[in-house]
Amino acid sequence: MAETFVVETRGIGKPDYSKNVSSAIERRGLRLEYHQTLVIVGIVFSAIPSPYVWVQPPLAPGVTVHLMDNMTGVVLPLMVPQGYTLEMITAGGAFTEDVMLWAYLDGFLVTNMGIAVSGLPYYENQIVSLSTTLRDPDGDFPHPVDVTLTNMGAGALQGGVQLVGILEAVGTPELPPVKTVRCKWCGHQHSVPNETTDIICPKCGKLFIVYTLGKVKKVG
């Protein structure tokens, strides 16, 4: 005779997606596969001093600037290597003046990233139109990706914008173990290991800080 016993009932016989929903809301991490890595580009304008490379002085009216690679401090365009695809997935910002954001792929205007109104937050959850996948899904060619910001207001602009994308290998060797960084103080460029964040410029001797995105955790 088979033994009978009481067990606790959980669920109603359907898949439980509560953990996935919870992690998506909390955003403690991103679900990246082994062949994917994050790309973050952006810029912040403020009179507050900071060693982070993307923090710049307030932007004068009518001036246009390129966003920066937050891993290197190098201004865009960002070159997506052959064998890789890049898809921007989120963007957000807030400004004290009206701004215009334009996005370029392969040197050509591809989309308007938004017209941010002074004092109001700007956010996009998915920006599939800024993606090399739509033109070259197999990564057969390298592609420059660029985003510019123009101060459309009458006063000095403070605030900032940040775009997050996924760089994915589609049948190619891993990226080089070093990256070329740019000093925010003197503009000197040199190579450092990819995991380096706090850098003393060998030319001017000042500290500048960049991000490392190679070990972003996977939440499952």
N, C-alpha and C. Protein backbone atom coordinates (compact mmCIF):
# COMPACT_ATOMS: atom_id res chain seq x y z
N MET A 1 0.86 -1.20 0.00
CA MET A 1 0.00 0.00 0.00
C MET A 1 0.89 1.24 0.00
N ALA A 2 0.53 2.21 -0.84
CA ALA A 2 1.31 3.44 -0.92
C ALA A 2 1.05 4.31 0.30
N GLU A 3 2.10 4.98 0.78
CA GLU A 3 1.96 5.87 1.92
C GLU A 3 1.29 7.16 1.51
N THR A 4 0.37 7.65 2.30
CA THR A 4 -0.29 8.93 2.01
C THR A 4 0.14 9.96 3.04
N PHE A 5 0.24 11.22 2.60
CA PHE A 5 0.62 12.28 3.53
C PHE A 5 0.13 13.61 2.94
N VAL A 6 0.12 14.62 3.81
CA VAL A 6 -0.39 15.95 3.44
C VAL A 6 0.78 16.82 3.01
N VAL A 7 0.61 17.54 1.88
CA VAL A 7 1.63 18.48 1.42
C VAL A 7 0.99 19.85 1.24
N GLU A 8 1.85 20.87 1.31
CA GLU A 8 1.37 22.25 1.15
C GLU A 8 1.11 22.53 -0.33
N THR A 9 -0.03 23.10 -0.65
CA THR A 9 -0.37 23.44 -2.02
C THR A 9 0.18 24.81 -2.38
N ARG A 10 0.90 24.87 -3.51
CA ARG A 10 1.45 26.14 -3.98
C ARG A 10 1.02 26.37 -5.43
N GLY A 11 0.46 27.54 -5.70
CA GLY A 11 0.08 27.87 -7.06
C GLY A 11 -1.20 27.16 -7.47
N ILE A 12 -1.53 27.32 -8.76
CA ILE A 12 -2.76 26.74 -9.29
C ILE A 12 -2.46 25.90 -10.53
N GLY A 13 -1.24 25.36 -10.60
CA GLY A 13 -0.90 24.51 -11.71
C GLY A 13 -0.40 25.24 -12.93
N LYS A 14 -0.18 26.57 -12.83
CA LYS A 14 0.34 27.36 -13.93
C LYS A 14 1.75 27.84 -13.60
N PRO A 15 2.55 28.17 -14.62
CA PRO A 15 3.91 28.67 -14.34
C PRO A 15 3.89 29.88 -13.43
N ASP A 16 4.86 29.92 -12.52
CA ASP A 16 4.95 31.02 -11.57
C ASP A 16 5.98 32.03 -12.09
N TYR A 17 5.49 33.17 -12.54
CA TYR A 17 6.38 34.20 -13.07
C TYR A 17 6.63 35.31 -12.05
N SER A 18 6.27 35.09 -10.81
CA SER A 18 6.35 36.16 -9.82
C SER A 18 7.78 36.64 -9.61
N LYS A 19 8.75 35.70 -9.62
CA LYS A 19 10.14 36.10 -9.42
C LYS A 19 10.62 36.96 -10.57
N ASN A 20 10.23 36.59 -11.79
CA ASN A 20 10.64 37.39 -12.95
C ASN A 20 10.04 38.78 -12.90
N VAL A 21 8.75 38.85 -12.55
CA VAL A 21 8.09 40.14 -12.45
C VAL A 21 8.74 40.98 -11.38
N SER A 22 9.02 40.36 -10.22
CA SER A 22 9.63 41.09 -9.12
C SER A 22 10.99 41.63 -9.50
N SER A 23 11.82 40.79 -10.14
CA SER A 23 13.17 41.25 -10.49
C SER A 23 13.11 42.35 -11.53
N ALA A 24 12.10 42.29 -12.42
CA ALA A 24 11.98 43.33 -13.43
C ALA A 24 11.60 44.66 -12.81
N ILE A 25 10.76 44.60 -11.75
CA ILE A 25 10.35 45.83 -11.08
C ILE A 25 11.51 46.40 -10.26
N GLU A 26 12.21 45.54 -9.54
CA GLU A 26 13.26 45.99 -8.66
C GLU A 26 14.51 46.43 -9.43
N ARG A 27 14.74 45.83 -10.61
CA ARG A 27 15.88 46.13 -11.45
C ARG A 27 17.20 46.03 -10.68
N ARG A 28 17.37 44.94 -9.90
CA ARG A 28 18.62 44.74 -9.17
C ARG A 28 19.76 44.34 -10.10
N GLY A 29 19.42 43.88 -11.29
CA GLY A 29 20.42 43.46 -12.25
C GLY A 29 19.77 43.28 -13.59
N LEU A 30 20.52 42.85 -14.58
CA LEU A 30 19.99 42.65 -15.92
C LEU A 30 20.23 41.21 -16.35
N ARG A 31 19.33 40.69 -17.15
CA ARG A 31 19.43 39.32 -17.62
C ARG A 31 20.28 39.26 -18.88
N LEU A 32 21.58 39.24 -18.70
CA LEU A 32 22.50 39.21 -19.81
C LEU A 32 23.02 37.79 -20.04
N GLU A 33 23.13 37.39 -21.30
CA GLU A 33 23.73 36.12 -21.64
C GLU A 33 25.24 36.27 -21.68
N TYR A 34 25.96 35.15 -21.78
CA TYR A 34 27.42 35.18 -21.71
C TYR A 34 28.03 35.97 -22.86
N HIS A 35 27.33 36.07 -23.99
CA HIS A 35 27.87 36.77 -25.16
C HIS A 35 27.37 38.21 -25.25
N GLN A 36 26.77 38.71 -24.17
CA GLN A 36 26.25 40.07 -24.15
C GLN A 36 26.95 40.90 -23.08
N THR A 37 27.06 42.19 -23.33
CA THR A 37 27.57 43.12 -22.33
C THR A 37 26.84 44.43 -22.45
N LEU A 38 26.85 45.22 -21.39
CA LEU A 38 26.15 46.50 -21.41
C LEU A 38 26.99 47.58 -22.08
N VAL A 39 26.28 48.54 -22.65
CA VAL A 39 26.88 49.78 -23.13
C VAL A 39 26.08 50.92 -22.51
N ILE A 40 26.76 51.87 -21.90
CA ILE A 40 26.09 53.03 -21.32
C ILE A 40 26.74 54.29 -21.88
N VAL A 41 25.94 55.14 -22.48
CA VAL A 41 26.42 56.43 -22.97
C VAL A 41 25.56 57.52 -22.37
N GLY A 42 26.16 58.66 -22.12
CA GLY A 42 25.38 59.74 -21.54
C GLY A 42 26.25 60.93 -21.24
N ILE A 43 25.64 61.95 -20.65
CA ILE A 43 26.36 63.15 -20.26
C ILE A 43 25.54 63.87 -19.19
N VAL A 44 26.23 64.52 -18.27
CA VAL A 44 25.60 65.28 -17.19
C VAL A 44 26.22 66.67 -17.18
N PHE A 45 25.37 67.68 -17.04
CA PHE A 45 25.84 69.07 -16.99
C PHE A 45 25.55 69.64 -15.61
N SER A 46 26.61 70.13 -14.94
CA SER A 46 26.44 70.66 -13.59
C SER A 46 27.63 71.53 -13.23
N ALA A 47 27.38 72.50 -12.36
CA ALA A 47 28.46 73.32 -11.82
C ALA A 47 29.17 72.62 -10.67
N ILE A 48 28.67 71.46 -10.25
CA ILE A 48 29.28 70.71 -9.15
C ILE A 48 30.50 69.94 -9.69
N PRO A 49 31.68 70.13 -9.12
CA PRO A 49 32.88 69.42 -9.60
C PRO A 49 32.75 67.91 -9.38
N SER A 50 33.27 67.12 -10.33
CA SER A 50 33.22 65.67 -10.23
C SER A 50 34.31 65.05 -11.09
N PRO A 51 34.95 63.96 -10.61
CA PRO A 51 35.96 63.28 -11.43
C PRO A 51 35.35 62.33 -12.46
N TYR A 52 34.04 62.08 -12.40
CA TYR A 52 33.42 61.22 -13.40
C TYR A 52 33.47 61.92 -14.77
N VAL A 53 33.91 61.17 -15.77
CA VAL A 53 34.24 61.79 -17.05
C VAL A 53 33.05 62.45 -17.74
N TRP A 54 31.86 61.92 -17.54
CA TRP A 54 30.69 62.43 -18.27
C TRP A 54 30.04 63.63 -17.59
N VAL A 55 30.56 64.05 -16.43
CA VAL A 55 30.04 65.24 -15.76
C VAL A 55 30.79 66.46 -16.30
N GLN A 56 30.05 67.35 -16.95
CA GLN A 56 30.61 68.51 -17.62
C GLN A 56 29.98 69.80 -17.08
N PRO A 57 30.62 70.95 -17.32
CA PRO A 57 30.02 72.23 -16.89
C PRO A 57 28.69 72.48 -17.59
N PRO A 58 27.85 73.37 -17.05
CA PRO A 58 26.58 73.69 -17.70
C PRO A 58 26.78 74.06 -19.17
N LEU A 59 25.82 73.66 -20.00
CA LEU A 59 25.92 73.84 -21.44
C LEU A 59 25.25 75.14 -21.87
N ALA A 60 25.98 75.93 -22.65
CA ALA A 60 25.47 77.22 -23.09
C ALA A 60 24.32 77.06 -24.09
N PRO A 61 23.44 78.05 -24.19
CA PRO A 61 22.32 77.97 -25.14
C PRO A 61 22.80 77.80 -26.58
N GLY A 62 22.08 76.94 -27.33
CA GLY A 62 22.38 76.75 -28.73
C GLY A 62 23.53 75.83 -29.04
N VAL A 63 24.23 75.33 -28.03
CA VAL A 63 25.41 74.49 -28.24
C VAL A 63 24.99 73.03 -28.39
N THR A 64 25.64 72.33 -29.31
CA THR A 64 25.41 70.89 -29.53
C THR A 64 26.64 70.11 -29.11
N VAL A 65 26.43 69.02 -28.37
CA VAL A 65 27.53 68.16 -27.93
C VAL A 65 27.18 66.71 -28.23
N HIS A 66 28.21 65.86 -28.28
CA HIS A 66 28.02 64.42 -28.42
C HIS A 66 27.99 63.80 -27.02
N LEU A 67 27.20 62.75 -26.85
CA LEU A 67 27.24 62.00 -25.60
C LEU A 67 28.56 61.28 -25.47
N MET A 68 28.83 60.70 -24.28
CA MET A 68 30.10 60.04 -24.00
C MET A 68 29.90 58.57 -23.68
N ASP A 69 30.88 57.77 -24.02
CA ASP A 69 30.94 56.38 -23.58
C ASP A 69 31.33 56.38 -22.11
N ASN A 70 30.46 55.88 -21.25
CA ASN A 70 30.72 55.91 -19.81
C ASN A 70 31.78 54.94 -19.35
N MET A 71 32.25 54.06 -20.23
CA MET A 71 33.35 53.15 -19.90
C MET A 71 34.72 53.76 -20.19
N THR A 72 34.74 54.79 -21.06
CA THR A 72 36.04 55.31 -21.50
C THR A 72 36.16 56.82 -21.41
N GLY A 73 35.06 57.54 -21.40
CA GLY A 73 35.11 58.99 -21.44
C GLY A 73 35.31 59.54 -22.84
N VAL A 74 35.41 58.68 -23.83
CA VAL A 74 35.57 59.10 -25.21
C VAL A 74 34.21 59.53 -25.77
N VAL A 75 34.19 60.67 -26.46
CA VAL A 75 32.93 61.16 -27.00
C VAL A 75 32.50 60.29 -28.18
N LEU A 76 31.19 60.19 -28.37
CA LEU A 76 30.66 59.43 -29.50
C LEU A 76 31.03 60.14 -30.81
N PRO A 77 31.08 59.42 -31.94
CA PRO A 77 30.44 58.13 -32.17
C PRO A 77 31.16 56.95 -31.52
N LEU A 78 30.36 55.95 -31.14
CA LEU A 78 30.83 54.69 -30.61
C LEU A 78 30.90 53.68 -31.75
N MET A 79 32.06 53.05 -31.93
CA MET A 79 32.20 52.10 -33.02
C MET A 79 31.81 50.71 -32.56
N VAL A 80 30.76 50.16 -33.15
CA VAL A 80 30.36 48.78 -32.89
C VAL A 80 31.21 47.88 -33.80
N PRO A 81 32.05 47.00 -33.22
CA PRO A 81 32.97 46.22 -34.05
C PRO A 81 32.26 45.24 -34.97
N GLN A 82 32.95 44.84 -36.01
CA GLN A 82 32.44 43.78 -36.88
C GLN A 82 32.23 42.52 -36.04
N GLY A 83 31.13 41.83 -36.28
CA GLY A 83 30.81 40.63 -35.51
C GLY A 83 29.96 40.90 -34.29
N TYR A 84 29.56 42.16 -34.09
CA TYR A 84 28.75 42.54 -32.94
C TYR A 84 27.52 43.33 -33.40
N THR A 85 26.49 43.30 -32.58
CA THR A 85 25.32 44.16 -32.77
C THR A 85 25.11 44.99 -31.51
N LEU A 86 24.50 46.15 -31.68
CA LEU A 86 24.19 47.02 -30.54
C LEU A 86 22.75 47.46 -30.65
N GLU A 87 22.01 47.29 -29.56
CA GLU A 87 20.62 47.75 -29.50
C GLU A 87 20.40 48.55 -28.23
N MET A 88 20.03 49.81 -28.39
CA MET A 88 19.71 50.65 -27.24
C MET A 88 18.33 50.26 -26.72
N ILE A 89 18.22 50.06 -25.40
CA ILE A 89 16.98 49.55 -24.83
C ILE A 89 16.28 50.53 -23.90
N THR A 90 17.03 51.43 -23.26
CA THR A 90 16.39 52.42 -22.39
C THR A 90 17.11 53.75 -22.50
N ALA A 91 16.40 54.81 -22.21
CA ALA A 91 16.99 56.15 -22.15
C ALA A 91 16.21 56.97 -21.14
N GLY A 92 16.89 57.87 -20.47
CA GLY A 92 16.22 58.73 -19.51
C GLY A 92 17.03 59.98 -19.25
N GLY A 93 16.34 61.05 -18.90
CA GLY A 93 17.05 62.29 -18.61
C GLY A 93 16.12 63.32 -18.02
N ALA A 94 16.72 64.39 -17.52
CA ALA A 94 15.97 65.54 -17.01
C ALA A 94 16.87 66.77 -17.13
N PHE A 95 16.27 67.90 -17.48
CA PHE A 95 17.06 69.08 -17.80
C PHE A 95 16.38 70.35 -17.28
N THR A 96 17.18 71.40 -17.12
CA THR A 96 16.63 72.70 -16.72
C THR A 96 16.22 73.53 -17.93
N GLU A 97 16.59 73.08 -19.14
CA GLU A 97 16.21 73.76 -20.37
C GLU A 97 15.69 72.73 -21.37
N ASP A 98 15.00 73.18 -22.40
CA ASP A 98 14.57 72.28 -23.46
C ASP A 98 15.80 71.76 -24.21
N VAL A 99 15.76 70.48 -24.60
CA VAL A 99 16.87 69.90 -25.36
C VAL A 99 16.32 69.10 -26.54
N MET A 100 17.17 68.94 -27.54
CA MET A 100 16.88 68.08 -28.68
C MET A 100 17.94 66.99 -28.75
N LEU A 101 17.50 65.75 -28.92
CA LEU A 101 18.41 64.61 -29.01
C LEU A 101 18.26 63.96 -30.39
N TRP A 102 19.36 63.85 -31.13
CA TRP A 102 19.37 63.20 -32.44
C TRP A 102 20.27 61.98 -32.39
N ALA A 103 19.86 60.90 -33.06
CA ALA A 103 20.65 59.67 -33.10
C ALA A 103 21.06 59.37 -34.54
N TYR A 104 22.31 58.91 -34.69
CA TYR A 104 22.88 58.64 -36.01
C TYR A 104 23.43 57.22 -36.07
N LEU A 105 23.25 56.58 -37.22
CA LEU A 105 23.81 55.26 -37.48
C LEU A 105 24.56 55.31 -38.80
N ASP A 106 25.83 54.92 -38.77
CA ASP A 106 26.68 54.95 -39.96
C ASP A 106 26.80 56.36 -40.54
N GLY A 107 26.75 57.36 -39.67
CA GLY A 107 26.91 58.73 -40.11
C GLY A 107 25.65 59.40 -40.61
N PHE A 108 24.53 58.68 -40.62
CA PHE A 108 23.27 59.23 -41.12
C PHE A 108 22.26 59.35 -39.98
N LEU A 109 21.51 60.43 -40.00
CA LEU A 109 20.44 60.60 -39.01
C LEU A 109 19.45 59.46 -39.14
N VAL A 110 19.16 58.78 -38.02
CA VAL A 110 18.25 57.64 -38.06
C VAL A 110 16.99 57.87 -37.25
N THR A 111 17.08 58.65 -36.16
CA THR A 111 15.88 58.88 -35.36
C THR A 111 16.09 60.05 -34.42
N ASN A 112 14.98 60.61 -33.97
CA ASN A 112 14.98 61.62 -32.91
C ASN A 112 14.78 60.91 -31.58
N MET A 113 15.73 61.08 -30.68
CA MET A 113 15.64 60.40 -29.39
C MET A 113 14.69 61.09 -28.42
N GLY A 114 14.20 62.26 -28.81
CA GLY A 114 13.24 62.93 -27.95
C GLY A 114 13.52 64.41 -27.84
N ILE A 115 12.48 65.16 -27.58
CA ILE A 115 12.58 66.58 -27.26
C ILE A 115 12.20 66.70 -25.79
N ALA A 116 13.19 66.89 -24.94
CA ALA A 116 12.94 66.95 -23.51
C ALA A 116 12.56 68.38 -23.12
N VAL A 117 11.45 68.52 -22.42
CA VAL A 117 10.96 69.82 -22.01
C VAL A 117 11.54 70.18 -20.65
N SER A 118 11.93 71.41 -20.51
CA SER A 118 12.56 71.90 -19.28
C SER A 118 11.75 71.52 -18.04
N GLY A 119 12.45 70.93 -17.07
CA GLY A 119 11.83 70.59 -15.80
C GLY A 119 11.07 69.30 -15.76
N LEU A 120 10.91 68.61 -16.91
CA LEU A 120 10.16 67.37 -16.95
C LEU A 120 11.09 66.20 -17.25
N PRO A 121 10.93 65.08 -16.53
CA PRO A 121 11.77 63.91 -16.81
C PRO A 121 11.43 63.30 -18.16
N TYR A 122 12.46 62.73 -18.81
CA TYR A 122 12.28 62.08 -20.10
C TYR A 122 12.69 60.62 -19.95
N TYR A 123 11.86 59.69 -20.44
CA TYR A 123 12.19 58.27 -20.31
C TYR A 123 11.60 57.48 -21.47
N GLU A 124 12.41 56.58 -22.03
CA GLU A 124 11.95 55.63 -23.05
C GLU A 124 12.35 54.24 -22.59
N ASN A 125 11.41 53.31 -22.59
CA ASN A 125 11.69 51.96 -22.12
C ASN A 125 12.30 51.08 -23.20
N GLN A 126 12.04 51.40 -24.46
CA GLN A 126 12.58 50.60 -25.55
C GLN A 126 12.79 51.48 -26.77
N ILE A 127 14.00 51.45 -27.31
CA ILE A 127 14.34 52.29 -28.44
C ILE A 127 14.87 51.39 -29.53
N VAL A 128 14.00 50.61 -30.15
CA VAL A 128 14.43 49.62 -31.14
C VAL A 128 14.90 50.28 -32.42
N SER A 129 14.54 51.55 -32.64
CA SER A 129 14.94 52.21 -33.88
C SER A 129 16.42 52.59 -33.87
N LEU A 130 17.06 52.60 -32.70
CA LEU A 130 18.50 52.83 -32.64
C LEU A 130 19.17 51.49 -32.38
N SER A 131 19.34 50.73 -33.46
CA SER A 131 19.86 49.37 -33.34
C SER A 131 20.57 48.99 -34.63
N THR A 132 21.78 48.47 -34.52
CA THR A 132 22.46 47.98 -35.71
C THR A 132 21.83 46.68 -36.21
N THR A 133 21.09 46.00 -35.34
CA THR A 133 20.46 44.73 -35.72
C THR A 133 19.47 44.91 -36.86
N LEU A 134 18.80 46.05 -36.91
CA LEU A 134 17.78 46.27 -37.92
C LEU A 134 18.39 46.41 -39.31
N ARG A 135 19.66 46.79 -39.39
CA ARG A 135 20.31 46.95 -40.68
C ARG A 135 21.27 45.81 -40.98
N ASP A 136 21.95 45.31 -39.95
CA ASP A 136 22.99 44.31 -40.14
C ASP A 136 22.88 43.27 -39.02
N PRO A 137 21.87 42.38 -39.08
CA PRO A 137 21.61 41.46 -37.96
C PRO A 137 22.74 40.47 -37.68
N ASP A 138 23.59 40.20 -38.66
CA ASP A 138 24.69 39.25 -38.45
C ASP A 138 26.01 39.93 -38.11
N GLY A 139 26.01 41.24 -37.98
CA GLY A 139 27.23 41.94 -37.62
C GLY A 139 28.32 41.80 -38.67
N ASP A 140 27.96 41.84 -39.94
CA ASP A 140 28.94 41.64 -41.00
C ASP A 140 29.88 42.84 -41.16
N PHE A 141 29.46 44.02 -40.66
CA PHE A 141 30.26 45.22 -40.84
C PHE A 141 30.31 46.02 -39.54
N PRO A 142 31.36 46.81 -39.32
CA PRO A 142 31.38 47.72 -38.17
C PRO A 142 30.43 48.89 -38.40
N HIS A 143 29.91 49.45 -37.31
CA HIS A 143 28.94 50.55 -37.44
C HIS A 143 29.20 51.62 -36.38
N PRO A 144 29.39 52.88 -36.77
CA PRO A 144 29.45 53.96 -35.79
C PRO A 144 28.04 54.37 -35.36
N VAL A 145 27.87 54.54 -34.06
CA VAL A 145 26.59 54.98 -33.48
C VAL A 145 26.84 56.28 -32.72
N ASP A 146 25.99 57.25 -32.95
CA ASP A 146 26.21 58.58 -32.36
C ASP A 146 24.90 59.14 -31.86
N VAL A 147 24.97 59.93 -30.78
CA VAL A 147 23.81 60.67 -30.26
C VAL A 147 24.30 62.06 -29.87
N THR A 148 23.60 63.08 -30.35
CA THR A 148 23.95 64.45 -30.00
C THR A 148 22.83 65.10 -29.20
N LEU A 149 23.23 66.09 -28.42
CA LEU A 149 22.30 66.84 -27.57
C LEU A 149 22.49 68.32 -27.84
N THR A 150 21.39 69.05 -28.03
CA THR A 150 21.44 70.49 -28.26
C THR A 150 20.62 71.21 -27.20
N ASN A 151 21.21 72.23 -26.60
CA ASN A 151 20.48 73.07 -25.65
C ASN A 151 19.59 74.02 -26.44
N MET A 152 18.29 73.79 -26.39
CA MET A 152 17.32 74.61 -27.13
C MET A 152 16.77 75.76 -26.29
N GLY A 153 17.20 75.86 -25.04
CA GLY A 153 16.68 76.89 -24.15
C GLY A 153 17.45 78.19 -24.22
N ALA A 154 17.05 79.13 -23.37
CA ALA A 154 17.67 80.45 -23.35
C ALA A 154 18.73 80.58 -22.26
N GLY A 155 18.83 79.58 -21.38
CA GLY A 155 19.78 79.64 -20.29
C GLY A 155 20.77 78.50 -20.32
N ALA A 156 21.75 78.55 -19.42
CA ALA A 156 22.74 77.49 -19.30
C ALA A 156 22.05 76.21 -18.84
N LEU A 157 22.31 75.11 -19.54
CA LEU A 157 21.63 73.84 -19.29
C LEU A 157 22.31 73.06 -18.18
N GLN A 158 21.52 72.60 -17.20
CA GLN A 158 21.98 71.63 -16.22
C GLN A 158 21.05 70.42 -16.29
N GLY A 159 21.55 69.27 -15.83
CA GLY A 159 20.80 68.03 -15.93
C GLY A 159 21.60 67.00 -16.69
N GLY A 160 20.93 65.98 -17.24
CA GLY A 160 21.68 64.97 -17.96
C GLY A 160 20.80 63.93 -18.60
N VAL A 161 21.44 63.07 -19.42
CA VAL A 161 20.74 62.01 -20.11
C VAL A 161 21.64 60.79 -20.12
N GLN A 162 21.04 59.60 -20.13
CA GLN A 162 21.79 58.35 -20.17
C GLN A 162 21.03 57.33 -21.00
N LEU A 163 21.75 56.65 -21.89
CA LEU A 163 21.19 55.59 -22.72
C LEU A 163 21.89 54.29 -22.37
N VAL A 164 21.12 53.21 -22.27
CA VAL A 164 21.67 51.89 -21.98
C VAL A 164 21.37 50.95 -23.14
N GLY A 165 22.38 50.25 -23.60
CA GLY A 165 22.20 49.32 -24.69
C GLY A 165 22.87 47.99 -24.40
N ILE A 166 22.61 47.01 -25.26
CA ILE A 166 23.22 45.69 -25.14
C ILE A 166 24.09 45.44 -26.36
N LEU A 167 25.38 45.22 -26.11
CA LEU A 167 26.32 44.84 -27.16
C LEU A 167 26.41 43.32 -27.18
N GLU A 168 26.12 42.72 -28.33
CA GLU A 168 26.04 41.27 -28.40
C GLU A 168 26.97 40.72 -29.47
N ALA A 169 27.76 39.71 -29.10
CA ALA A 169 28.61 39.02 -30.06
C ALA A 169 27.78 38.05 -30.87
N VAL A 170 27.95 38.09 -32.18
CA VAL A 170 27.18 37.20 -33.06
C VAL A 170 28.15 36.40 -33.92
N GLY A 171 29.07 35.69 -33.25
CA GLY A 171 30.00 34.83 -33.97
C GLY A 171 31.34 35.49 -34.20
N THR A 172 31.97 35.98 -33.14
CA THR A 172 33.25 36.66 -33.27
C THR A 172 34.05 36.47 -31.99
N PRO A 173 35.39 36.61 -32.04
CA PRO A 173 36.19 36.51 -30.82
C PRO A 173 35.80 37.58 -29.80
N GLU A 174 36.21 37.37 -28.56
CA GLU A 174 35.91 38.32 -27.51
C GLU A 174 36.57 39.66 -27.78
N LEU A 175 36.00 40.71 -27.17
CA LEU A 175 36.58 42.04 -27.30
C LEU A 175 37.96 42.07 -26.66
N PRO A 176 38.83 43.00 -27.07
CA PRO A 176 40.17 43.12 -26.49
C PRO A 176 40.09 43.33 -24.97
N PRO A 177 41.12 42.89 -24.24
CA PRO A 177 41.11 43.03 -22.77
C PRO A 177 41.42 44.44 -22.29
N VAL A 178 41.71 45.37 -23.19
CA VAL A 178 42.00 46.75 -22.81
C VAL A 178 41.04 47.69 -23.51
N LYS A 179 40.92 48.89 -22.95
CA LYS A 179 40.09 49.93 -23.54
C LYS A 179 40.88 51.23 -23.58
N THR A 180 40.57 52.09 -24.53
CA THR A 180 41.20 53.39 -24.62
C THR A 180 40.35 54.40 -23.89
N VAL A 181 40.92 55.06 -22.88
CA VAL A 181 40.19 56.03 -22.08
C VAL A 181 40.69 57.44 -22.38
N ARG A 182 39.85 58.40 -22.08
CA ARG A 182 40.18 59.81 -22.33
C ARG A 182 40.07 60.59 -21.04
N CYS A 183 41.14 61.28 -20.66
CA CYS A 183 41.13 62.10 -19.44
C CYS A 183 40.17 63.26 -19.61
N LYS A 184 39.30 63.47 -18.63
CA LYS A 184 38.32 64.55 -18.73
C LYS A 184 38.96 65.91 -18.51
N TRP A 185 40.16 65.95 -17.93
CA TRP A 185 40.80 67.22 -17.59
C TRP A 185 41.69 67.76 -18.72
N CYS A 186 42.49 66.88 -19.32
CA CYS A 186 43.43 67.35 -20.35
C CYS A 186 43.20 66.71 -21.71
N GLY A 187 42.31 65.69 -21.79
CA GLY A 187 42.00 65.06 -23.05
C GLY A 187 42.97 63.98 -23.48
N HIS A 188 43.97 63.67 -22.67
CA HIS A 188 44.95 62.64 -23.02
C HIS A 188 44.27 61.27 -23.10
N GLN A 189 44.63 60.48 -24.12
CA GLN A 189 44.07 59.15 -24.29
C GLN A 189 45.16 58.10 -24.15
N HIS A 190 44.83 57.03 -23.42
CA HIS A 190 45.76 55.91 -23.29
C HIS A 190 44.96 54.65 -22.96
N SER A 191 45.61 53.50 -23.01
CA SER A 191 44.93 52.22 -22.81
C SER A 191 45.09 51.73 -21.38
N VAL A 192 44.01 51.12 -20.85
CA VAL A 192 44.02 50.53 -19.52
C VAL A 192 43.23 49.23 -19.59
N PRO A 193 43.40 48.29 -18.64
CA PRO A 193 42.58 47.08 -18.61
C PRO A 193 41.09 47.42 -18.53
N ASN A 194 40.25 46.59 -19.11
CA ASN A 194 38.82 46.86 -19.18
C ASN A 194 38.17 47.07 -17.82
N GLU A 195 38.70 46.41 -16.78
CA GLU A 195 38.08 46.49 -15.46
C GLU A 195 38.48 47.75 -14.70
N THR A 196 39.36 48.59 -15.25
CA THR A 196 39.83 49.78 -14.55
C THR A 196 38.74 50.84 -14.49
N THR A 197 38.58 51.46 -13.32
CA THR A 197 37.59 52.52 -13.15
C THR A 197 38.22 53.83 -12.68
N ASP A 198 39.04 53.79 -11.64
CA ASP A 198 39.69 55.00 -11.11
C ASP A 198 41.06 55.13 -11.76
N ILE A 199 41.27 56.22 -12.50
CA ILE A 199 42.48 56.35 -13.32
C ILE A 199 43.18 57.67 -13.01
N ILE A 200 44.48 57.59 -12.76
CA ILE A 200 45.32 58.78 -12.63
C ILE A 200 45.94 59.03 -14.00
N CYS A 201 45.64 60.17 -14.59
CA CYS A 201 46.14 60.47 -15.93
C CYS A 201 47.66 60.55 -15.92
N PRO A 202 48.34 59.82 -16.79
CA PRO A 202 49.81 59.86 -16.82
C PRO A 202 50.35 61.18 -17.34
N LYS A 203 49.49 62.01 -17.93
CA LYS A 203 49.97 63.30 -18.47
C LYS A 203 49.78 64.44 -17.48
N CYS A 204 48.55 64.60 -16.95
CA CYS A 204 48.30 65.74 -16.05
C CYS A 204 48.28 65.34 -14.58
N GLY A 205 48.22 64.02 -14.30
CA GLY A 205 48.28 63.54 -12.92
C GLY A 205 46.98 63.65 -12.15
N LYS A 206 45.88 63.99 -12.80
CA LYS A 206 44.59 64.13 -12.11
C LYS A 206 43.78 62.84 -12.19
N LEU A 207 42.90 62.66 -11.21
CA LEU A 207 42.02 61.49 -11.16
C LEU A 207 40.80 61.71 -12.05
N PHE A 208 40.44 60.68 -12.83
CA PHE A 208 39.14 60.67 -13.50
C PHE A 208 38.57 59.26 -13.39
N ILE A 209 37.25 59.13 -13.44
CA ILE A 209 36.57 57.87 -13.15
C ILE A 209 35.67 57.49 -14.33
N VAL A 210 35.73 56.21 -14.70
CA VAL A 210 34.87 55.65 -15.73
C VAL A 210 34.19 54.41 -15.16
N TYR A 211 33.27 53.84 -15.92
CA TYR A 211 32.59 52.62 -15.50
C TYR A 211 33.29 51.38 -16.04
N THR A 212 33.04 50.25 -15.40
CA THR A 212 33.34 48.94 -15.96
C THR A 212 32.05 48.14 -16.00
N LEU A 213 31.76 47.53 -17.14
CA LEU A 213 30.48 46.84 -17.32
C LEU A 213 30.66 45.35 -17.64
N GLY A 214 31.89 44.85 -17.54
CA GLY A 214 32.16 43.48 -17.93
C GLY A 214 31.65 42.44 -16.97
N LYS A 215 31.31 42.83 -15.75
CA LYS A 215 30.88 41.85 -14.75
C LYS A 215 29.52 42.19 -14.16
N VAL A 216 28.68 42.80 -14.99
CA VAL A 216 27.31 43.07 -14.54
C VAL A 216 26.63 41.74 -14.26
N LYS A 217 26.03 41.61 -13.08
CA LYS A 217 25.50 40.31 -12.66
C LYS A 217 24.25 39.94 -13.43
N LYS A 218 24.02 38.66 -13.54
CA LYS A 218 22.81 38.12 -14.16
C LYS A 218 21.85 37.71 -13.05
N VAL A 219 20.66 38.23 -13.08
CA VAL A 219 19.64 37.87 -12.10
C VAL A 219 18.73 36.85 -12.73
N GLY A 220 18.63 35.70 -12.12
CA GLY A 220 17.80 34.64 -12.70
C GLY A 220 16.78 34.15 -11.71
